[in-house]
Structures are given as C-alpha cells and as structure tokens.
Amino acid sequence: MFQSGMDSPPGEIVALAWGGDGKFLAVGFKGVPNDGADAIRILDSATGEILSREPGPRGTHVRGIRFTSDSKYLIVAGISKSVKIWDGQHTKLLQEIPAEAASIAVSKDGHYLALGGEAFGLGNISGLLGLLSPSKGKAIIYKLEK
C-alpha cells in the first residue's frame, strides 16, 4: 500500500476499515510523531492514493475506525480524546463526542454506534446521535439517525 515514492506511514498502523463498497480504505495510526502529522488517512484502495487526511497531536493512538454498512458515516475514535463522526468520504465533520473510547462498533444495519471504555466525558449530543444507555465503565450505545 505504501510504495516507494509515496508518503510513508507516520506511525504504526493500528486500525483499518473498508468503505464505499471497497473503494476506500481508512487507515489509523498510533505513535503520531509530531503535532499535525497524519493520524488517519483515507486511501483509494485501487491506487493507494491518499484522498483525505486527519492530523492528530503528537502521540495520538487511533482506537478504532468504522464505516456504517452503507458507507454514509465514518466513525473515528482516539484523536484528541474524542469520537468523531464524519460523512462517508471524510470531507465533513458531522459530530464530535468528547469520549476516550477504547473501542467502537457499528450495528450491521448502520443505525447504532457503541462505545466501550472506562471513562467518557459526554457533551451536548446533537440531532445526529441520541444517547440511549449511558453507563460508566460499560458500553454506551447511540442511535445513528439516517
């Protein structure tokens, strides 16, 4: 994927997700070497071309990347102690949840997002997500509005 002459990875690859019916590959890194280096890259899966980037602070550790099954949303956990919900092309940030999620999961139907971990700092939840079941130290489940 990272061939000679292409940008080399900024850290260790720790999270991967396919999107857009296999057209995109989202790549998450840990050990981001300096502020502003890529924490996430969205690649064209056929060519390896970098289509989109998301920087992170030094030391960032991406915990998870998931597309909904219809690739409408891309969910990223682990950058700046938050969970970010993007449009499926990673061009528009739709919501940021201040939560240090250790893991994320999206239901098969793409309607629910679960966050797992020990501590969550939940802020204002917009119309995109509705909090269903908060419980410190356990999974927190959100309904994704379609």
N, C-alpha and C. Protein backbone atom coordinates (compact mmCIF):
# COMPACT_ATOMS: atom_id res chain seq x y z
N MET A 1 0.83 -1.19 0.00
CA MET A 1 0.00 0.00 0.00
C MET A 1 0.87 1.25 0.00
N PHE A 2 1.88 1.30 0.88
CA PHE A 2 2.79 2.45 0.90
C PHE A 2 4.01 2.07 0.09
N GLN A 3 3.97 2.41 -1.19
CA GLN A 3 5.02 2.02 -2.11
C GLN A 3 6.10 3.09 -2.17
N SER A 4 7.23 2.71 -2.75
CA SER A 4 8.33 3.64 -2.91
C SER A 4 7.85 4.89 -3.64
N GLY A 5 8.23 6.05 -3.15
CA GLY A 5 7.83 7.30 -3.76
C GLY A 5 6.55 7.87 -3.18
N MET A 6 5.80 7.06 -2.44
CA MET A 6 4.57 7.54 -1.81
C MET A 6 4.89 7.98 -0.39
N ASP A 7 3.96 8.72 0.21
CA ASP A 7 4.13 9.12 1.61
C ASP A 7 4.26 7.88 2.48
N SER A 8 5.24 7.89 3.34
CA SER A 8 5.39 6.76 4.25
C SER A 8 4.44 6.95 5.45
N PRO A 9 4.07 5.86 6.11
CA PRO A 9 3.17 6.00 7.25
C PRO A 9 3.81 6.80 8.36
N PRO A 10 3.02 7.65 9.06
CA PRO A 10 3.57 8.48 10.13
C PRO A 10 3.74 7.74 11.45
N GLY A 11 3.27 6.53 11.54
CA GLY A 11 3.35 5.75 12.77
C GLY A 11 2.92 4.33 12.47
N GLU A 12 2.72 3.56 13.51
CA GLU A 12 2.29 2.17 13.36
C GLU A 12 0.81 2.12 12.97
N ILE A 13 0.47 1.30 11.98
CA ILE A 13 -0.92 1.13 11.58
C ILE A 13 -1.61 0.26 12.62
N VAL A 14 -2.71 0.77 13.20
CA VAL A 14 -3.41 0.03 14.25
C VAL A 14 -4.90 -0.14 13.97
N ALA A 15 -5.44 0.52 12.95
CA ALA A 15 -6.86 0.40 12.66
C ALA A 15 -7.07 0.54 11.15
N LEU A 16 -7.94 -0.32 10.62
CA LEU A 16 -8.26 -0.31 9.20
C LEU A 16 -9.75 -0.52 9.01
N ALA A 17 -10.32 0.10 7.98
CA ALA A 17 -11.73 -0.11 7.66
C ALA A 17 -11.96 0.12 6.18
N TRP A 18 -12.75 -0.76 5.57
CA TRP A 18 -13.16 -0.60 4.18
C TRP A 18 -14.42 0.24 4.12
N GLY A 19 -14.53 1.07 3.10
CA GLY A 19 -15.73 1.87 2.89
C GLY A 19 -16.01 2.03 1.42
N GLY A 20 -17.18 2.59 1.11
CA GLY A 20 -17.53 2.86 -0.29
C GLY A 20 -17.50 1.62 -1.15
N ASP A 21 -18.07 0.53 -0.65
CA ASP A 21 -18.08 -0.74 -1.38
C ASP A 21 -16.67 -1.18 -1.78
N GLY A 22 -15.73 -0.97 -0.89
CA GLY A 22 -14.36 -1.39 -1.11
C GLY A 22 -13.51 -0.41 -1.88
N LYS A 23 -14.05 0.76 -2.19
CA LYS A 23 -13.30 1.77 -2.95
C LYS A 23 -12.31 2.54 -2.09
N PHE A 24 -12.60 2.61 -0.78
CA PHE A 24 -11.77 3.38 0.14
C PHE A 24 -11.23 2.47 1.23
N LEU A 25 -10.06 2.81 1.73
CA LEU A 25 -9.51 2.15 2.90
C LEU A 25 -9.11 3.25 3.88
N ALA A 26 -9.72 3.21 5.06
CA ALA A 26 -9.37 4.15 6.12
C ALA A 26 -8.28 3.50 6.97
N VAL A 27 -7.21 4.25 7.23
CA VAL A 27 -6.05 3.75 7.96
C VAL A 27 -5.82 4.65 9.17
N GLY A 28 -5.72 4.04 10.35
CA GLY A 28 -5.46 4.79 11.57
C GLY A 28 -4.11 4.41 12.14
N PHE A 29 -3.43 5.39 12.74
CA PHE A 29 -2.07 5.19 13.24
C PHE A 29 -1.98 5.41 14.74
N LYS A 30 -0.95 4.84 15.34
CA LYS A 30 -0.60 5.16 16.72
C LYS A 30 0.84 5.62 16.72
N GLY A 31 1.18 6.40 17.72
CA GLY A 31 2.54 6.91 17.80
C GLY A 31 2.80 8.03 16.81
N VAL A 32 1.80 8.90 16.59
CA VAL A 32 1.97 10.03 15.69
C VAL A 32 3.19 10.81 16.15
N PRO A 33 4.19 11.01 15.26
CA PRO A 33 5.49 11.52 15.69
C PRO A 33 5.53 12.99 16.12
N ASN A 34 4.63 13.81 15.59
CA ASN A 34 4.61 15.22 15.99
C ASN A 34 3.24 15.82 15.73
N ASP A 35 2.95 16.94 16.38
CA ASP A 35 1.67 17.60 16.21
C ASP A 35 1.43 17.89 14.73
N GLY A 36 0.23 17.56 14.26
CA GLY A 36 -0.13 17.84 12.88
C GLY A 36 0.18 16.72 11.90
N ALA A 37 0.88 15.68 12.34
CA ALA A 37 1.13 14.54 11.45
C ALA A 37 -0.17 13.75 11.29
N ASP A 38 -0.25 12.96 10.25
CA ASP A 38 -1.48 12.20 9.98
C ASP A 38 -1.75 11.18 11.07
N ALA A 39 -2.98 11.20 11.58
CA ALA A 39 -3.47 10.16 12.47
C ALA A 39 -4.37 9.21 11.69
N ILE A 40 -5.02 9.75 10.65
CA ILE A 40 -5.92 8.99 9.77
C ILE A 40 -5.57 9.34 8.33
N ARG A 41 -5.62 8.33 7.49
CA ARG A 41 -5.55 8.54 6.05
C ARG A 41 -6.66 7.74 5.39
N ILE A 42 -7.32 8.36 4.41
CA ILE A 42 -8.30 7.66 3.59
C ILE A 42 -7.64 7.46 2.24
N LEU A 43 -7.53 6.20 1.83
CA LEU A 43 -6.82 5.86 0.60
C LEU A 43 -7.77 5.33 -0.46
N ASP A 44 -7.44 5.57 -1.71
CA ASP A 44 -8.10 4.89 -2.82
C ASP A 44 -7.56 3.47 -2.81
N SER A 45 -8.43 2.48 -2.63
CA SER A 45 -7.94 1.11 -2.45
C SER A 45 -7.33 0.52 -3.71
N ALA A 46 -7.65 1.07 -4.87
CA ALA A 46 -7.07 0.55 -6.12
C ALA A 46 -5.68 1.11 -6.38
N THR A 47 -5.46 2.38 -6.01
CA THR A 47 -4.19 3.03 -6.36
C THR A 47 -3.30 3.32 -5.16
N GLY A 48 -3.87 3.35 -3.96
CA GLY A 48 -3.11 3.73 -2.77
C GLY A 48 -2.99 5.24 -2.60
N GLU A 49 -3.58 6.01 -3.52
CA GLU A 49 -3.54 7.47 -3.43
C GLU A 49 -4.24 7.94 -2.15
N ILE A 50 -3.64 8.91 -1.48
CA ILE A 50 -4.23 9.49 -0.28
C ILE A 50 -5.31 10.48 -0.71
N LEU A 51 -6.55 10.17 -0.33
CA LEU A 51 -7.69 11.02 -0.70
C LEU A 51 -8.01 12.05 0.38
N SER A 52 -7.71 11.71 1.63
CA SER A 52 -8.03 12.58 2.75
C SER A 52 -7.11 12.25 3.91
N ARG A 53 -6.88 13.25 4.75
CA ARG A 53 -6.04 13.09 5.93
C ARG A 53 -6.71 13.75 7.11
N GLU A 54 -6.38 13.25 8.30
CA GLU A 54 -6.79 13.93 9.52
C GLU A 54 -5.58 13.96 10.45
N PRO A 55 -5.12 15.15 10.82
CA PRO A 55 -3.96 15.24 11.70
C PRO A 55 -4.35 14.95 13.15
N GLY A 56 -3.33 14.67 13.93
CA GLY A 56 -3.54 14.45 15.36
C GLY A 56 -2.38 15.02 16.14
N PRO A 57 -2.59 15.19 17.43
CA PRO A 57 -1.48 15.66 18.27
C PRO A 57 -0.44 14.55 18.44
N ARG A 58 0.78 14.97 18.78
CA ARG A 58 1.88 14.02 19.00
C ARG A 58 1.43 12.92 19.97
N GLY A 59 1.76 11.68 19.62
CA GLY A 59 1.44 10.55 20.47
C GLY A 59 0.05 9.96 20.27
N THR A 60 -0.73 10.53 19.34
CA THR A 60 -2.09 10.03 19.10
C THR A 60 -2.09 8.52 18.88
N HIS A 61 -3.12 7.87 19.41
CA HIS A 61 -3.34 6.44 19.23
C HIS A 61 -4.79 6.26 18.79
N VAL A 62 -5.00 6.03 17.50
CA VAL A 62 -6.35 5.78 16.99
C VAL A 62 -6.83 4.45 17.56
N ARG A 63 -7.99 4.44 18.17
CA ARG A 63 -8.55 3.24 18.81
C ARG A 63 -9.46 2.45 17.89
N GLY A 64 -10.05 3.12 16.93
CA GLY A 64 -10.94 2.41 16.03
C GLY A 64 -11.41 3.28 14.89
N ILE A 65 -11.71 2.62 13.77
CA ILE A 65 -12.28 3.27 12.60
C ILE A 65 -13.37 2.34 12.09
N ARG A 66 -14.54 2.88 11.83
CA ARG A 66 -15.63 2.08 11.29
C ARG A 66 -16.44 2.91 10.31
N PHE A 67 -16.82 2.29 9.20
CA PHE A 67 -17.82 2.85 8.31
C PHE A 67 -19.15 2.19 8.65
N THR A 68 -20.25 2.90 8.47
CA THR A 68 -21.54 2.23 8.54
C THR A 68 -21.64 1.35 7.29
N SER A 69 -22.52 0.36 7.31
CA SER A 69 -22.59 -0.61 6.21
C SER A 69 -22.90 0.06 4.86
N ASP A 70 -23.61 1.18 4.88
CA ASP A 70 -23.90 1.90 3.64
C ASP A 70 -22.84 2.96 3.32
N SER A 71 -21.80 3.03 4.13
CA SER A 71 -20.69 3.99 3.99
C SER A 71 -21.14 5.44 4.09
N LYS A 72 -22.31 5.68 4.69
CA LYS A 72 -22.79 7.05 4.87
C LYS A 72 -21.99 7.80 5.92
N TYR A 73 -21.55 7.08 6.97
CA TYR A 73 -20.77 7.67 8.05
C TYR A 73 -19.45 6.94 8.23
N LEU A 74 -18.45 7.71 8.65
CA LEU A 74 -17.16 7.17 9.06
C LEU A 74 -16.96 7.61 10.51
N ILE A 75 -16.74 6.65 11.40
CA ILE A 75 -16.56 6.94 12.82
C ILE A 75 -15.12 6.65 13.20
N VAL A 76 -14.48 7.62 13.88
CA VAL A 76 -13.08 7.51 14.26
C VAL A 76 -12.96 7.77 15.76
N ALA A 77 -12.30 6.87 16.47
CA ALA A 77 -12.08 7.05 17.91
C ALA A 77 -10.59 7.16 18.19
N GLY A 78 -10.23 8.11 19.05
CA GLY A 78 -8.86 8.17 19.53
C GLY A 78 -8.07 9.40 19.14
N ILE A 79 -8.65 10.34 18.43
CA ILE A 79 -7.93 11.57 18.10
C ILE A 79 -8.44 12.67 19.01
N SER A 80 -7.55 13.30 19.75
CA SER A 80 -7.88 14.39 20.67
C SER A 80 -8.94 13.96 21.69
N LYS A 81 -8.83 12.73 22.19
CA LYS A 81 -9.72 12.21 23.23
C LYS A 81 -11.19 12.37 22.85
N SER A 82 -11.51 12.00 21.61
CA SER A 82 -12.89 12.13 21.15
C SER A 82 -13.23 11.03 20.15
N VAL A 83 -14.52 10.93 19.89
CA VAL A 83 -15.04 10.09 18.82
C VAL A 83 -15.63 11.05 17.81
N LYS A 84 -15.17 10.95 16.56
CA LYS A 84 -15.62 11.86 15.52
C LYS A 84 -16.46 11.10 14.50
N ILE A 85 -17.56 11.72 14.11
CA ILE A 85 -18.43 11.13 13.10
C ILE A 85 -18.37 12.05 11.88
N TRP A 86 -17.88 11.47 10.79
CA TRP A 86 -17.69 12.17 9.53
C TRP A 86 -18.70 11.66 8.51
N ASP A 87 -18.87 12.42 7.43
CA ASP A 87 -19.57 11.85 6.29
C ASP A 87 -18.69 10.72 5.75
N GLY A 88 -19.23 9.86 4.92
CA GLY A 88 -18.52 8.68 4.46
C GLY A 88 -17.27 8.94 3.64
N GLN A 89 -17.12 10.14 3.09
CA GLN A 89 -15.93 10.47 2.32
C GLN A 89 -14.87 11.19 3.15
N HIS A 90 -15.17 11.42 4.44
CA HIS A 90 -14.25 12.10 5.35
C HIS A 90 -13.98 13.52 4.88
N THR A 91 -15.04 14.19 4.42
CA THR A 91 -14.89 15.58 3.97
C THR A 91 -15.58 16.57 4.90
N LYS A 92 -16.57 16.09 5.69
CA LYS A 92 -17.31 16.99 6.57
C LYS A 92 -17.49 16.33 7.94
N LEU A 93 -16.99 17.00 8.98
CA LEU A 93 -17.17 16.53 10.34
C LEU A 93 -18.60 16.83 10.76
N LEU A 94 -19.36 15.78 11.11
CA LEU A 94 -20.76 15.94 11.48
C LEU A 94 -20.96 16.09 12.98
N GLN A 95 -20.14 15.39 13.76
CA GLN A 95 -20.26 15.47 15.21
C GLN A 95 -18.97 15.01 15.87
N GLU A 96 -18.68 15.60 17.02
CA GLU A 96 -17.54 15.18 17.82
C GLU A 96 -18.04 14.93 19.24
N ILE A 97 -17.80 13.73 19.74
CA ILE A 97 -18.22 13.35 21.08
C ILE A 97 -16.98 13.30 21.95
N PRO A 98 -16.89 14.12 22.99
CA PRO A 98 -15.72 14.06 23.86
C PRO A 98 -15.77 12.78 24.71
N ALA A 99 -15.10 11.74 24.22
CA ALA A 99 -15.10 10.45 24.91
C ALA A 99 -13.82 9.71 24.57
N GLU A 100 -13.19 9.15 25.57
CA GLU A 100 -11.99 8.36 25.34
C GLU A 100 -12.39 6.90 25.17
N ALA A 101 -12.97 6.59 24.03
CA ALA A 101 -13.43 5.23 23.76
C ALA A 101 -12.26 4.31 23.50
N ALA A 102 -12.27 3.16 24.14
CA ALA A 102 -11.23 2.15 23.91
C ALA A 102 -11.58 1.30 22.71
N SER A 103 -12.87 1.27 22.36
CA SER A 103 -13.31 0.51 21.19
C SER A 103 -14.62 1.07 20.68
N ILE A 104 -14.91 0.80 19.41
CA ILE A 104 -16.16 1.24 18.81
C ILE A 104 -16.72 0.11 17.96
N ALA A 105 -18.04 0.12 17.81
CA ALA A 105 -18.71 -0.86 16.95
C ALA A 105 -19.93 -0.20 16.35
N VAL A 106 -20.26 -0.60 15.13
CA VAL A 106 -21.45 -0.12 14.44
C VAL A 106 -22.31 -1.34 14.13
N SER A 107 -23.62 -1.22 14.40
CA SER A 107 -24.52 -2.34 14.13
C SER A 107 -24.58 -2.62 12.63
N LYS A 108 -24.92 -3.85 12.30
CA LYS A 108 -24.97 -4.27 10.89
C LYS A 108 -25.90 -3.39 10.07
N ASP A 109 -27.02 -2.97 10.66
CA ASP A 109 -27.96 -2.13 9.93
C ASP A 109 -27.52 -0.67 9.86
N GLY A 110 -26.41 -0.32 10.54
CA GLY A 110 -25.87 1.03 10.50
C GLY A 110 -26.65 2.05 11.31
N HIS A 111 -27.53 1.60 12.22
CA HIS A 111 -28.33 2.53 13.00
C HIS A 111 -27.78 2.80 14.40
N TYR A 112 -26.85 1.97 14.87
CA TYR A 112 -26.36 2.12 16.24
C TYR A 112 -24.84 2.13 16.30
N LEU A 113 -24.33 2.98 17.19
CA LEU A 113 -22.91 3.09 17.46
C LEU A 113 -22.70 2.76 18.93
N ALA A 114 -21.79 1.85 19.22
CA ALA A 114 -21.46 1.52 20.60
C ALA A 114 -20.03 1.94 20.88
N LEU A 115 -19.82 2.54 22.05
CA LEU A 115 -18.50 2.97 22.51
C LEU A 115 -18.18 2.19 23.77
N GLY A 116 -17.00 1.62 23.85
CA GLY A 116 -16.59 0.90 25.04
C GLY A 116 -15.36 1.54 25.65
N GLY A 117 -15.25 1.47 26.97
CA GLY A 117 -14.10 2.02 27.67
C GLY A 117 -14.43 2.32 29.11
N GLU A 118 -13.47 2.85 29.82
CA GLU A 118 -13.65 3.10 31.25
C GLU A 118 -14.24 4.46 31.57
N ALA A 119 -13.87 5.50 30.78
CA ALA A 119 -14.31 6.85 31.13
C ALA A 119 -14.82 7.57 29.91
N PHE A 120 -15.92 8.27 30.07
CA PHE A 120 -16.49 9.05 29.00
C PHE A 120 -16.84 10.43 29.51
N GLY A 121 -16.48 11.46 28.73
CA GLY A 121 -16.88 12.81 29.05
C GLY A 121 -17.86 13.25 27.99
N LEU A 122 -19.12 13.00 28.18
CA LEU A 122 -20.11 13.28 27.14
C LEU A 122 -20.56 14.72 27.20
N GLY A 123 -20.60 15.33 26.03
CA GLY A 123 -21.04 16.71 25.94
C GLY A 123 -22.43 16.78 25.35
N ASN A 124 -22.73 17.86 24.67
CA ASN A 124 -24.02 18.07 24.06
C ASN A 124 -24.18 17.13 22.87
N ILE A 125 -25.23 16.35 22.85
CA ILE A 125 -25.49 15.41 21.77
C ILE A 125 -26.45 16.09 20.79
N SER A 126 -26.01 16.20 19.53
CA SER A 126 -26.84 16.87 18.53
C SER A 126 -27.92 15.93 18.01
N GLY A 127 -28.64 16.38 17.02
CA GLY A 127 -29.68 15.55 16.41
C GLY A 127 -29.16 14.32 15.72
N LEU A 128 -27.86 14.29 15.42
CA LEU A 128 -27.30 13.12 14.73
C LEU A 128 -27.33 11.90 15.63
N LEU A 129 -27.03 12.11 16.91
CA LEU A 129 -26.98 10.99 17.85
C LEU A 129 -27.93 11.24 19.01
N GLY A 130 -28.52 10.17 19.48
CA GLY A 130 -29.35 10.26 20.68
C GLY A 130 -28.81 9.27 21.70
N LEU A 131 -28.52 9.73 22.90
CA LEU A 131 -27.98 8.86 23.93
C LEU A 131 -29.07 7.91 24.43
N LEU A 132 -28.78 6.62 24.37
CA LEU A 132 -29.76 5.63 24.80
C LEU A 132 -29.44 5.03 26.15
N SER A 133 -28.17 4.69 26.37
CA SER A 133 -27.85 3.92 27.56
C SER A 133 -26.48 4.28 28.14
N PRO A 134 -26.38 5.41 28.87
CA PRO A 134 -25.09 5.75 29.45
C PRO A 134 -24.82 4.90 30.69
N SER A 135 -23.60 4.41 30.80
CA SER A 135 -23.23 3.62 31.96
C SER A 135 -21.71 3.62 32.08
N LYS A 136 -21.18 4.36 33.02
CA LYS A 136 -19.73 4.48 33.18
C LYS A 136 -19.08 3.11 33.29
N GLY A 137 -18.05 2.91 32.49
CA GLY A 137 -17.31 1.66 32.53
C GLY A 137 -17.89 0.57 31.65
N LYS A 138 -18.99 0.84 31.01
CA LYS A 138 -19.62 -0.15 30.14
C LYS A 138 -19.84 0.48 28.78
N ALA A 139 -20.38 -0.29 27.87
CA ALA A 139 -20.65 0.23 26.54
C ALA A 139 -21.72 1.32 26.60
N ILE A 140 -21.53 2.33 25.80
CA ILE A 140 -22.53 3.37 25.63
C ILE A 140 -23.02 3.25 24.19
N ILE A 141 -24.33 3.22 24.00
CA ILE A 141 -24.90 2.98 22.68
C ILE A 141 -25.64 4.22 22.21
N TYR A 142 -25.40 4.61 20.97
CA TYR A 142 -26.02 5.75 20.34
C TYR A 142 -26.82 5.29 19.14
N LYS A 143 -27.90 5.98 18.85
CA LYS A 143 -28.67 5.68 17.64
C LYS A 143 -28.24 6.67 16.57
N LEU A 144 -27.80 6.15 15.43
CA LEU A 144 -27.44 6.98 14.29
C LEU A 144 -28.69 7.28 13.50
N GLU A 145 -29.01 8.55 13.32
CA GLU A 145 -30.19 8.92 12.55
C GLU A 145 -29.88 8.84 11.07
N LYS A 146 -30.71 8.20 10.32
CA LYS A 146 -30.49 8.03 8.87
C LYS A 146 -31.17 9.09 8.08
